[in-house]
Amino acid sequence: MTTPTIAALVDFAQQQQPSDKGGLSTGGVRDWILNNIIPLLLLTVALLLLWLGGGKGDNAGVMRRLGGVIVALAIIGLAVTNAGEGIGRWLAGLFTG
């Protein structure tokens, strides 16, 4: 039995490294979240709005809930569309001129 040389071991180790073509990515997880979790969250928010919307004359309570729903939808929209950078630049432009 022969012992492998260092060059052969280095060659074997380089072959075991993942290539750039098939490297790891989070594209599949991101697509799954966008296709499954986001619609489920939107459906949940809509159902909660319908269920809690009837405040029996409590207009302030209904508007408070509606405001919370709008903020939640805005956060989900920012996360999904990657528009946060553009909005941040616009807000910074308001203060810097």
PDB file of N, CA and C in Angstrom:
ATOM      1  N   MET A   1       0.847  -1.168   0.000  1.00  0.00           N
ATOM      2  CA  MET A   1       0.000   0.000   0.000  1.00  0.00           C
ATOM      3  C   MET A   1       0.892   1.230   0.000  1.00  0.00           C
ATOM      4  N   THR A   2       0.562   2.174  -0.852  1.00  0.00           N
ATOM      5  CA  THR A   2       1.376   3.375  -0.951  1.00  0.00           C
ATOM      6  C   THR A   2       0.698   4.505  -0.204  1.00  0.00           C
ATOM      7  N   THR A   3       1.482   5.412   0.275  1.00  0.00           N
ATOM      8  CA  THR A   3       0.926   6.580   0.967  1.00  0.00           C
ATOM      9  C   THR A   3       0.749   7.699  -0.048  1.00  0.00           C
ATOM     10  N   PRO A   4      -0.365   8.433   0.051  1.00  0.00           N
ATOM     11  CA  PRO A   4      -0.603   9.505  -0.914  1.00  0.00           C
ATOM     12  C   PRO A   4       0.344  10.672  -0.660  1.00  0.00           C
ATOM     13  N   THR A   5       0.721  11.317  -1.693  1.00  0.00           N
ATOM     14  CA  THR A   5       1.593  12.469  -1.557  1.00  0.00           C
ATOM     15  C   THR A   5       0.774  13.694  -1.175  1.00  0.00           C
ATOM     16  N   ILE A   6       1.458  14.718  -0.742  1.00  0.00           N
ATOM     17  CA  ILE A   6       0.776  15.952  -0.344  1.00  0.00           C
ATOM     18  C   ILE A   6       0.076  16.569  -1.543  1.00  0.00           C
ATOM     19  N   ALA A   7       0.685  16.509  -2.694  1.00  0.00           N
ATOM     20  CA  ALA A   7       0.071  17.076  -3.893  1.00  0.00           C
ATOM     21  C   ALA A   7      -1.238  16.362  -4.222  1.00  0.00           C
ATOM     22  N   ALA A   8      -1.263  15.050  -4.047  1.00  0.00           N
ATOM     23  CA  ALA A   8      -2.484  14.295  -4.311  1.00  0.00           C
ATOM     24  C   ALA A   8      -3.567  14.655  -3.303  1.00  0.00           C
ATOM     25  N   LEU A   9      -3.201  14.858  -2.033  1.00  0.00           N
ATOM     26  CA  LEU A   9      -4.177  15.249  -1.013  1.00  0.00           C
ATOM     27  C   LEU A   9      -4.735  16.643  -1.288  1.00  0.00           C
ATOM     28  N   VAL A  10      -3.871  17.574  -1.697  1.00  0.00           N
ATOM     29  CA  VAL A  10      -4.337  18.922  -2.015  1.00  0.00           C
ATOM     30  C   VAL A  10      -5.270  18.880  -3.223  1.00  0.00           C
ATOM     31  N   ASP A  11      -4.921  18.086  -4.212  1.00  0.00           N
ATOM     32  CA  ASP A  11      -5.762  17.931  -5.402  1.00  0.00           C
ATOM     33  C   ASP A  11      -7.139  17.376  -5.024  1.00  0.00           C
ATOM     34  N   PHE A  12      -7.164  16.376  -4.157  1.00  0.00           N
ATOM     35  CA  PHE A  12      -8.422  15.785  -3.704  1.00  0.00           C
ATOM     36  C   PHE A  12      -9.254  16.808  -2.926  1.00  0.00           C
ATOM     37  N   ALA A  13      -8.608  17.609  -2.067  1.00  0.00           N
ATOM     38  CA  ALA A  13      -9.330  18.606  -1.276  1.00  0.00           C
ATOM     39  C   ALA A  13      -9.941  19.676  -2.177  1.00  0.00           C
ATOM     40  N   GLN A  14      -9.220  20.066  -3.241  1.00  0.00           N
ATOM     41  CA  GLN A  14      -9.757  21.068  -4.149  1.00  0.00           C
ATOM     42  C   GLN A  14     -10.960  20.532  -4.922  1.00  0.00           C
ATOM     43  N   GLN A  15     -10.964  19.269  -5.209  1.00  0.00           N
ATOM     44  CA  GLN A  15     -12.097  18.672  -5.910  1.00  0.00           C
ATOM     45  C   GLN A  15     -13.337  18.616  -5.033  1.00  0.00           C
ATOM     46  N   GLN A  16     -13.154  18.581  -3.722  1.00  0.00           N
ATOM     47  CA  GLN A  16     -14.282  18.478  -2.803  1.00  0.00           C
ATOM     48  C   GLN A  16     -14.931  19.829  -2.510  1.00  0.00           C
ATOM     49  N   GLN A  17     -14.277  20.935  -2.873  1.00  0.00           N
ATOM     50  CA  GLN A  17     -14.823  22.258  -2.618  1.00  0.00           C
ATOM     51  C   GLN A  17     -16.031  22.502  -3.518  1.00  0.00           C
ATOM     52  N   PRO A  18     -17.079  23.182  -2.996  1.00  0.00           N
ATOM     53  CA  PRO A  18     -18.237  23.475  -3.844  1.00  0.00           C
ATOM     54  C   PRO A  18     -17.848  24.463  -4.936  1.00  0.00           C
ATOM     55  N   SER A  19     -18.356  24.242  -6.121  1.00  0.00           N
ATOM     56  CA  SER A  19     -18.053  25.135  -7.237  1.00  0.00           C
ATOM     57  C   SER A  19     -18.970  26.352  -7.185  1.00  0.00           C
ATOM     58  N   ASP A  20     -18.595  27.366  -7.925  1.00  0.00           N
ATOM     59  CA  ASP A  20     -19.406  28.579  -7.971  1.00  0.00           C
ATOM     60  C   ASP A  20     -20.726  28.344  -8.689  1.00  0.00           C
ATOM     61  N   LYS A  21     -20.766  27.363  -9.556  1.00  0.00           N
ATOM     62  CA  LYS A  21     -21.988  27.085 -10.313  1.00  0.00           C
ATOM     63  C   LYS A  21     -23.102  26.576  -9.412  1.00  0.00           C
ATOM     64  N   GLY A  22     -22.760  25.681  -8.529  1.00  0.00           N
ATOM     65  CA  GLY A  22     -23.793  25.072  -7.697  1.00  0.00           C
ATOM     66  C   GLY A  22     -23.642  25.425  -6.235  1.00  0.00           C
ATOM     67  N   GLY A  23     -23.178  26.622  -5.937  1.00  0.00           N
ATOM     68  CA  GLY A  23     -22.963  27.034  -4.557  1.00  0.00           C
ATOM     69  C   GLY A  23     -24.269  27.186  -3.790  1.00  0.00           C
ATOM     70  N   LEU A  24     -24.131  27.401  -2.523  1.00  0.00           N
ATOM     71  CA  LEU A  24     -25.300  27.576  -1.673  1.00  0.00           C
ATOM     72  C   LEU A  24     -25.915  28.945  -1.888  1.00  0.00           C
ATOM     73  N   SER A  25     -27.221  29.001  -1.840  1.00  0.00           N
ATOM     74  CA  SER A  25     -27.916  30.278  -1.936  1.00  0.00           C
ATOM     75  C   SER A  25     -29.224  30.177  -1.161  1.00  0.00           C
ATOM     76  N   THR A  26     -29.818  31.321  -0.914  1.00  0.00           N
ATOM     77  CA  THR A  26     -31.094  31.352  -0.191  1.00  0.00           C
ATOM     78  C   THR A  26     -32.255  31.645  -1.125  1.00  0.00           C
ATOM     79  N   GLY A  27     -32.036  31.510  -2.419  1.00  0.00           N
ATOM     80  CA  GLY A  27     -33.086  31.806  -3.388  1.00  0.00           C
ATOM     81  C   GLY A  27     -34.316  30.943  -3.211  1.00  0.00           C
ATOM     82  N   GLY A  28     -34.128  29.657  -2.945  1.00  0.00           N
ATOM     83  CA  GLY A  28     -35.272  28.767  -2.772  1.00  0.00           C
ATOM     84  C   GLY A  28     -36.089  29.104  -1.539  1.00  0.00           C
ATOM     85  N   VAL A  29     -35.405  29.429  -0.450  1.00  0.00           N
ATOM     86  CA  VAL A  29     -36.111  29.781   0.786  1.00  0.00           C
ATOM     87  C   VAL A  29     -36.857  31.096   0.605  1.00  0.00           C
ATOM     88  N   ARG A  30     -36.205  32.070  -0.045  1.00  0.00           N
ATOM     89  CA  ARG A  30     -36.846  33.368  -0.270  1.00  0.00           C
ATOM     90  C   ARG A  30     -38.095  33.208  -1.137  1.00  0.00           C
ATOM     91  N   ASP A  31     -37.980  32.430  -2.193  1.00  0.00           N
ATOM     92  CA  ASP A  31     -39.142  32.206  -3.060  1.00  0.00           C
ATOM     93  C   ASP A  31     -40.266  31.498  -2.312  1.00  0.00           C
ATOM     94  N   TRP A  32     -39.909  30.534  -1.469  1.00  0.00           N
ATOM     95  CA  TRP A  32     -40.931  29.817  -0.704  1.00  0.00           C
ATOM     96  C   TRP A  32     -41.645  30.764   0.252  1.00  0.00           C
ATOM     97  N   ILE A  33     -40.889  31.637   0.908  1.00  0.00           N
ATOM     98  CA  ILE A  33     -41.502  32.597   1.837  1.00  0.00           C
ATOM     99  C   ILE A  33     -42.421  33.542   1.072  1.00  0.00           C
ATOM    100  N   LEU A  34     -41.941  34.053  -0.077  1.00  0.00           N
ATOM    101  CA  LEU A  34     -42.764  34.990  -0.845  1.00  0.00           C
ATOM    102  C   LEU A  34     -44.019  34.329  -1.387  1.00  0.00           C
ATOM    103  N   ASN A  35     -43.914  33.064  -1.749  1.00  0.00           N
ATOM    104  CA  ASN A  35     -45.067  32.377  -2.344  1.00  0.00           C
ATOM    105  C   ASN A  35     -46.018  31.787  -1.322  1.00  0.00           C
ATOM    106  N   ASN A  36     -45.582  31.565  -0.091  1.00  0.00           N
ATOM    107  CA  ASN A  36     -46.426  30.891   0.888  1.00  0.00           C
ATOM    108  C   ASN A  36     -46.699  31.716   2.142  1.00  0.00           C
ATOM    109  N   ILE A  37     -45.664  32.233   2.771  1.00  0.00           N
ATOM    110  CA  ILE A  37     -45.838  32.919   4.054  1.00  0.00           C
ATOM    111  C   ILE A  37     -46.504  34.284   3.873  1.00  0.00           C
ATOM    112  N   ILE A  38     -46.065  35.057   2.874  1.00  0.00           N
ATOM    113  CA  ILE A  38     -46.616  36.404   2.689  1.00  0.00           C
ATOM    114  C   ILE A  38     -48.122  36.361   2.391  1.00  0.00           C
ATOM    115  N   PRO A  39     -48.595  35.521   1.462  1.00  0.00           N
ATOM    116  CA  PRO A  39     -50.058  35.463   1.276  1.00  0.00           C
ATOM    117  C   PRO A  39     -50.795  34.994   2.530  1.00  0.00           C
ATOM    118  N   LEU A  40     -50.188  34.094   3.288  1.00  0.00           N
ATOM    119  CA  LEU A  40     -50.820  33.641   4.528  1.00  0.00           C
ATOM    120  C   LEU A  40     -50.906  34.778   5.544  1.00  0.00           C
ATOM    121  N   LEU A  41     -49.855  35.583   5.637  1.00  0.00           N
ATOM    122  CA  LEU A  41     -49.889  36.734   6.541  1.00  0.00           C
ATOM    123  C   LEU A  41     -50.939  37.750   6.098  1.00  0.00           C
ATOM    124  N   LEU A  42     -51.020  37.991   4.806  1.00  0.00           N
ATOM    125  CA  LEU A  42     -52.014  38.938   4.317  1.00  0.00           C
ATOM    126  C   LEU A  42     -53.433  38.438   4.563  1.00  0.00           C
ATOM    127  N   LEU A  43     -53.650  37.145   4.380  1.00  0.00           N
ATOM    128  CA  LEU A  43     -54.961  36.569   4.664  1.00  0.00           C
ATOM    129  C   LEU A  43     -55.292  36.678   6.146  1.00  0.00           C
ATOM    130  N   THR A  44     -54.317  36.427   6.996  1.00  0.00           N
ATOM    131  CA  THR A  44     -54.529  36.543   8.441  1.00  0.00           C
ATOM    132  C   THR A  44     -54.876  37.972   8.824  1.00  0.00           C
ATOM    133  N   VAL A  45     -54.146  38.929   8.268  1.00  0.00           N
ATOM    134  CA  VAL A  45     -54.427  40.339   8.567  1.00  0.00           C
ATOM    135  C   VAL A  45     -55.829  40.707   8.100  1.00  0.00           C
ATOM    136  N   ALA A  46     -56.224  40.250   6.917  1.00  0.00           N
ATOM    137  CA  ALA A  46     -57.563  40.564   6.402  1.00  0.00           C
ATOM    138  C   ALA A  46     -58.645  39.951   7.284  1.00  0.00           C
ATOM    139  N   LEU A  47     -58.449  38.701   7.701  1.00  0.00           N
ATOM    140  CA  LEU A  47     -59.438  38.060   8.573  1.00  0.00           C
ATOM    141  C   LEU A  47     -59.529  38.747   9.926  1.00  0.00           C
ATOM    142  N   LEU A  48     -58.378  39.130  10.482  1.00  0.00           N
ATOM    143  CA  LEU A  48     -58.405  39.845  11.764  1.00  0.00           C
ATOM    144  C   LEU A  48     -59.088  41.197  11.616  1.00  0.00           C
ATOM    145  N   LEU A  49     -58.870  41.846  10.490  1.00  0.00           N
ATOM    146  CA  LEU A  49     -59.529  43.127  10.263  1.00  0.00           C
ATOM    147  C   LEU A  49     -61.040  42.955  10.190  1.00  0.00           C
ATOM    148  N   LEU A  50     -61.493  41.907   9.500  1.00  0.00           N
ATOM    149  CA  LEU A  50     -62.930  41.659   9.427  1.00  0.00           C
ATOM    150  C   LEU A  50     -63.503  41.244  10.775  1.00  0.00           C
ATOM    151  N   TRP A  51     -62.760  40.413  11.514  1.00  0.00           N
ATOM    152  CA  TRP A  51     -63.258  39.906  12.781  1.00  0.00           C
ATOM    153  C   TRP A  51     -63.265  40.989  13.846  1.00  0.00           C
ATOM    154  N   LEU A  52     -62.194  41.775  13.889  1.00  0.00           N
ATOM    155  CA  LEU A  52     -62.100  42.816  14.908  1.00  0.00           C
ATOM    156  C   LEU A  52     -62.647  44.150  14.426  1.00  0.00           C
ATOM    157  N   GLY A  53     -62.988  44.237  13.154  1.00  0.00           N
ATOM    158  CA  GLY A  53     -63.437  45.506  12.588  1.00  0.00           C
ATOM    159  C   GLY A  53     -64.761  45.979  13.138  1.00  0.00           C
ATOM    160  N   GLY A  54     -65.645  45.080  13.420  1.00  0.00           N
ATOM    161  CA  GLY A  54     -66.944  45.482  13.944  1.00  0.00           C
ATOM    162  C   GLY A  54     -66.834  45.857  15.410  1.00  0.00           C
ATOM    163  N   GLY A  55     -66.591  47.114  15.672  1.00  0.00           N
ATOM    164  CA  GLY A  55     -66.359  47.567  17.044  1.00  0.00           C
ATOM    165  C   GLY A  55     -67.626  47.993  17.756  1.00  0.00           C
ATOM    166  N   LYS A  56     -68.783  47.736  17.192  1.00  0.00           N
ATOM    167  CA  LYS A  56     -70.072  48.072  17.811  1.00  0.00           C
ATOM    168  C   LYS A  56     -70.121  49.551  18.217  1.00  0.00           C
ATOM    169  N   GLY A  57     -69.795  50.407  17.250  1.00  0.00           N
ATOM    170  CA  GLY A  57     -69.861  51.839  17.526  1.00  0.00           C
ATOM    171  C   GLY A  57     -68.574  52.428  18.054  1.00  0.00           C
ATOM    172  N   ASP A  58     -67.570  51.634  18.295  1.00  0.00           N
ATOM    173  CA  ASP A  58     -66.292  52.131  18.803  1.00  0.00           C
ATOM    174  C   ASP A  58     -65.418  52.525  17.620  1.00  0.00           C
ATOM    175  N   ASN A  59     -65.680  53.711  17.078  1.00  0.00           N
ATOM    176  CA  ASN A  59     -64.968  54.153  15.881  1.00  0.00           C
ATOM    177  C   ASN A  59     -63.479  54.334  16.130  1.00  0.00           C
ATOM    178  N   ALA A  60     -63.109  54.817  17.292  1.00  0.00           N
ATOM    179  CA  ALA A  60     -61.693  55.030  17.595  1.00  0.00           C
ATOM    180  C   ALA A  60     -60.953  53.693  17.643  1.00  0.00           C
ATOM    181  N   GLY A  61     -61.579  52.675  18.208  1.00  0.00           N
ATOM    182  CA  GLY A  61     -60.942  51.356  18.272  1.00  0.00           C
ATOM    183  C   GLY A  61     -60.767  50.742  16.896  1.00  0.00           C
ATOM    184  N   VAL A  62     -61.785  50.923  16.046  1.00  0.00           N
ATOM    185  CA  VAL A  62     -61.696  50.404  14.682  1.00  0.00           C
ATOM    186  C   VAL A  62     -60.575  51.101  13.926  1.00  0.00           C
ATOM    187  N   MET A  63     -60.455  52.412  14.040  1.00  0.00           N
ATOM    188  CA  MET A  63     -59.401  53.146  13.347  1.00  0.00           C
ATOM    189  C   MET A  63     -58.024  52.792  13.887  1.00  0.00           C
ATOM    190  N   ARG A  64     -57.919  52.530  15.176  1.00  0.00           N
ATOM    191  CA  ARG A  64     -56.639  52.121  15.757  1.00  0.00           C
ATOM    192  C   ARG A  64     -56.205  50.779  15.170  1.00  0.00           C
ATOM    193  N   ARG A  65     -57.149  49.854  15.065  1.00  0.00           N
ATOM    194  CA  ARG A  65     -56.835  48.547  14.470  1.00  0.00           C
ATOM    195  C   ARG A  65     -56.476  48.695  12.997  1.00  0.00           C
ATOM    196  N   LEU A  66     -57.222  49.524  12.296  1.00  0.00           N
ATOM    197  CA  LEU A  66     -56.948  49.738  10.877  1.00  0.00           C
ATOM    198  C   LEU A  66     -55.574  50.371  10.682  1.00  0.00           C
ATOM    199  N   GLY A  67     -55.201  51.297  11.548  1.00  0.00           N
ATOM    200  CA  GLY A  67     -53.864  51.891  11.477  1.00  0.00           C
ATOM    201  C   GLY A  67     -52.777  50.857  11.685  1.00  0.00           C
ATOM    202  N   GLY A  68     -52.980  49.950  12.633  1.00  0.00           N
ATOM    203  CA  GLY A  68     -52.013  48.878  12.857  1.00  0.00           C
ATOM    204  C   GLY A  68     -51.889  47.953  11.662  1.00  0.00           C
ATOM    205  N   VAL A  69     -53.016  47.663  11.022  1.00  0.00           N
ATOM    206  CA  VAL A  69     -53.006  46.802   9.831  1.00  0.00           C
ATOM    207  C   VAL A  69     -52.251  47.492   8.706  1.00  0.00           C
ATOM    208  N   ILE A  70     -52.472  48.772   8.512  1.00  0.00           N
ATOM    209  CA  ILE A  70     -51.786  49.502   7.440  1.00  0.00           C
ATOM    210  C   ILE A  70     -50.281  49.539   7.687  1.00  0.00           C
ATOM    211  N   VAL A  71     -49.865  49.749   8.929  1.00  0.00           N
ATOM    212  CA  VAL A  71     -48.433  49.736   9.250  1.00  0.00           C
ATOM    213  C   VAL A  71     -47.844  48.352   8.998  1.00  0.00           C
ATOM    214  N   ALA A  72     -48.544  47.299   9.391  1.00  0.00           N
ATOM    215  CA  ALA A  72     -48.052  45.931   9.170  1.00  0.00           C
ATOM    216  C   ALA A  72     -47.923  45.635   7.682  1.00  0.00           C
ATOM    217  N   LEU A  73     -48.905  46.035   6.884  1.00  0.00           N
ATOM    218  CA  LEU A  73     -48.833  45.818   5.439  1.00  0.00           C
ATOM    219  C   LEU A  73     -47.706  46.624   4.803  1.00  0.00           C
ATOM    220  N   ALA A  74     -47.458  47.832   5.310  1.00  0.00           N
ATOM    221  CA  ALA A  74     -46.357  48.641   4.781  1.00  0.00           C
ATOM    222  C   ALA A  74     -45.010  47.987   5.066  1.00  0.00           C
ATOM    223  N   ILE A  75     -44.848  47.421   6.251  1.00  0.00           N
ATOM    224  CA  ILE A  75     -43.593  46.744   6.598  1.00  0.00           C
ATOM    225  C   ILE A  75     -43.399  45.513   5.723  1.00  0.00           C
ATOM    226  N   ILE A  76     -44.458  44.745   5.516  1.00  0.00           N
ATOM    227  CA  ILE A  76     -44.360  43.566   4.639  1.00  0.00           C
ATOM    228  C   ILE A  76     -44.022  44.007   3.216  1.00  0.00           C
ATOM    229  N   GLY A  77     -44.638  45.083   2.743  1.00  0.00           N
ATOM    230  CA  GLY A  77     -44.350  45.585   1.405  1.00  0.00           C
ATOM    231  C   GLY A  77     -42.909  46.033   1.247  1.00  0.00           C
ATOM    232  N   LEU A  78     -42.364  46.704   2.263  1.00  0.00           N
ATOM    233  CA  LEU A  78     -40.961  47.116   2.212  1.00  0.00           C
ATOM    234  C   LEU A  78     -40.036  45.914   2.176  1.00  0.00           C
ATOM    235  N   ALA A  79     -40.365  44.895   2.945  1.00  0.00           N
ATOM    236  CA  ALA A  79     -39.508  43.716   3.003  1.00  0.00           C
ATOM    237  C   ALA A  79     -39.534  42.939   1.691  1.00  0.00           C
ATOM    238  N   VAL A  80     -40.663  42.899   1.030  1.00  0.00           N
ATOM    239  CA  VAL A  80     -40.805  42.097  -0.179  1.00  0.00           C
ATOM    240  C   VAL A  80     -40.236  42.807  -1.405  1.00  0.00           C
ATOM    241  N   THR A  81     -40.399  44.121  -1.499  1.00  0.00           N
ATOM    242  CA  THR A  81     -40.020  44.834  -2.716  1.00  0.00           C
ATOM    243  C   THR A  81     -38.612  45.397  -2.691  1.00  0.00           C
ATOM    244  N   ASN A  82     -37.906  45.328  -1.589  1.00  0.00           N
ATOM    245  CA  ASN A  82     -36.559  45.901  -1.457  1.00  0.00           C
ATOM    246  C   ASN A  82     -36.554  47.395  -1.755  1.00  0.00           C
ATOM    247  N   ALA A  83     -37.618  48.098  -1.412  1.00  0.00           N
ATOM    248  CA  ALA A  83     -37.718  49.530  -1.664  1.00  0.00           C
ATOM    249  C   ALA A  83     -37.168  50.348  -0.507  1.00  0.00           C
ATOM    250  N   GLY A  84     -36.668  49.705   0.514  1.00  0.00           N
ATOM    251  CA  GLY A  84     -36.183  50.415   1.696  1.00  0.00           C
ATOM    252  C   GLY A  84     -35.052  51.373   1.403  1.00  0.00           C
ATOM    253  N   GLU A  85     -34.146  50.997   0.504  1.00  0.00           N
ATOM    254  CA  GLU A  85     -33.013  51.870   0.197  1.00  0.00           C
ATOM    255  C   GLU A  85     -33.479  53.157  -0.463  1.00  0.00           C
ATOM    256  N   GLY A  86     -34.384  53.060  -1.407  1.00  0.00           N
ATOM    257  CA  GLY A  86     -34.893  54.260  -2.075  1.00  0.00           C
ATOM    258  C   GLY A  86     -35.642  55.172  -1.117  1.00  0.00           C
ATOM    259  N   ILE A  87     -36.426  54.587  -0.227  1.00  0.00           N
ATOM    260  CA  ILE A  87     -37.163  55.390   0.754  1.00  0.00           C
ATOM    261  C   ILE A  87     -36.203  56.043   1.736  1.00  0.00           C
ATOM    262  N   GLY A  88     -35.164  55.309   2.128  1.00  0.00           N
ATOM    263  CA  GLY A  88     -34.151  55.885   3.019  1.00  0.00           C
ATOM    264  C   GLY A  88     -33.425  57.054   2.385  1.00  0.00           C
ATOM    265  N   ARG A  89     -33.090  56.940   1.106  1.00  0.00           N
ATOM    266  CA  ARG A  89     -32.438  58.050   0.400  1.00  0.00           C
ATOM    267  C   ARG A  89     -33.370  59.260   0.310  1.00  0.00           C
ATOM    268  N   TRP A  90     -34.660  59.009   0.064  1.00  0.00           N
ATOM    269  CA  TRP A  90     -35.618  60.102  -0.008  1.00  0.00           C
ATOM    270  C   TRP A  90     -35.738  60.807   1.340  1.00  0.00           C
ATOM    271  N   LEU A  91     -35.836  60.018   2.426  1.00  0.00           N
ATOM    272  CA  LEU A  91     -35.929  60.623   3.758  1.00  0.00           C
ATOM    273  C   LEU A  91     -34.656  61.404   4.105  1.00  0.00           C
ATOM    274  N   ALA A  92     -33.494  60.852   3.750  1.00  0.00           N
ATOM    275  CA  ALA A  92     -32.247  61.572   4.012  1.00  0.00           C
ATOM    276  C   ALA A  92     -32.188  62.861   3.205  1.00  0.00           C
ATOM    277  N   GLY A  93     -32.741  62.832   1.983  1.00  0.00           N
ATOM    278  CA  GLY A  93     -32.767  64.031   1.151  1.00  0.00           C
ATOM    279  C   GLY A  93     -33.630  65.138   1.736  1.00  0.00           C
ATOM    280  N   LEU A  94     -34.634  64.767   2.533  1.00  0.00           N
ATOM    281  CA  LEU A  94     -35.465  65.771   3.172  1.00  0.00           C
ATOM    282  C   LEU A  94     -34.676  66.595   4.187  1.00  0.00           C
ATOM    283  N   PHE A  95     -33.695  65.956   4.834  1.00  0.00           N
ATOM    284  CA  PHE A  95     -32.936  66.635   5.880  1.00  0.00           C
ATOM    285  C   PHE A  95     -31.635  67.247   5.365  1.00  0.00           C
ATOM    286  N   THR A  96     -31.072  66.663   4.326  1.00  0.00           N
ATOM    287  CA  THR A  96     -29.791  67.174   3.846  1.00  0.00           C
ATOM    288  C   THR A  96     -29.932  68.152   2.693  1.00  0.00           C
ATOM    289  N   GLY A  97     -31.078  68.161   2.061  1.00  0.00           N
ATOM    290  CA  GLY A  97     -31.346  69.135   1.013  1.00  0.00           C
ATOM    291  C   GLY A  97     -31.049  68.717  -0.360  1.00  0.00           C
TER     292      GLY A  97
END
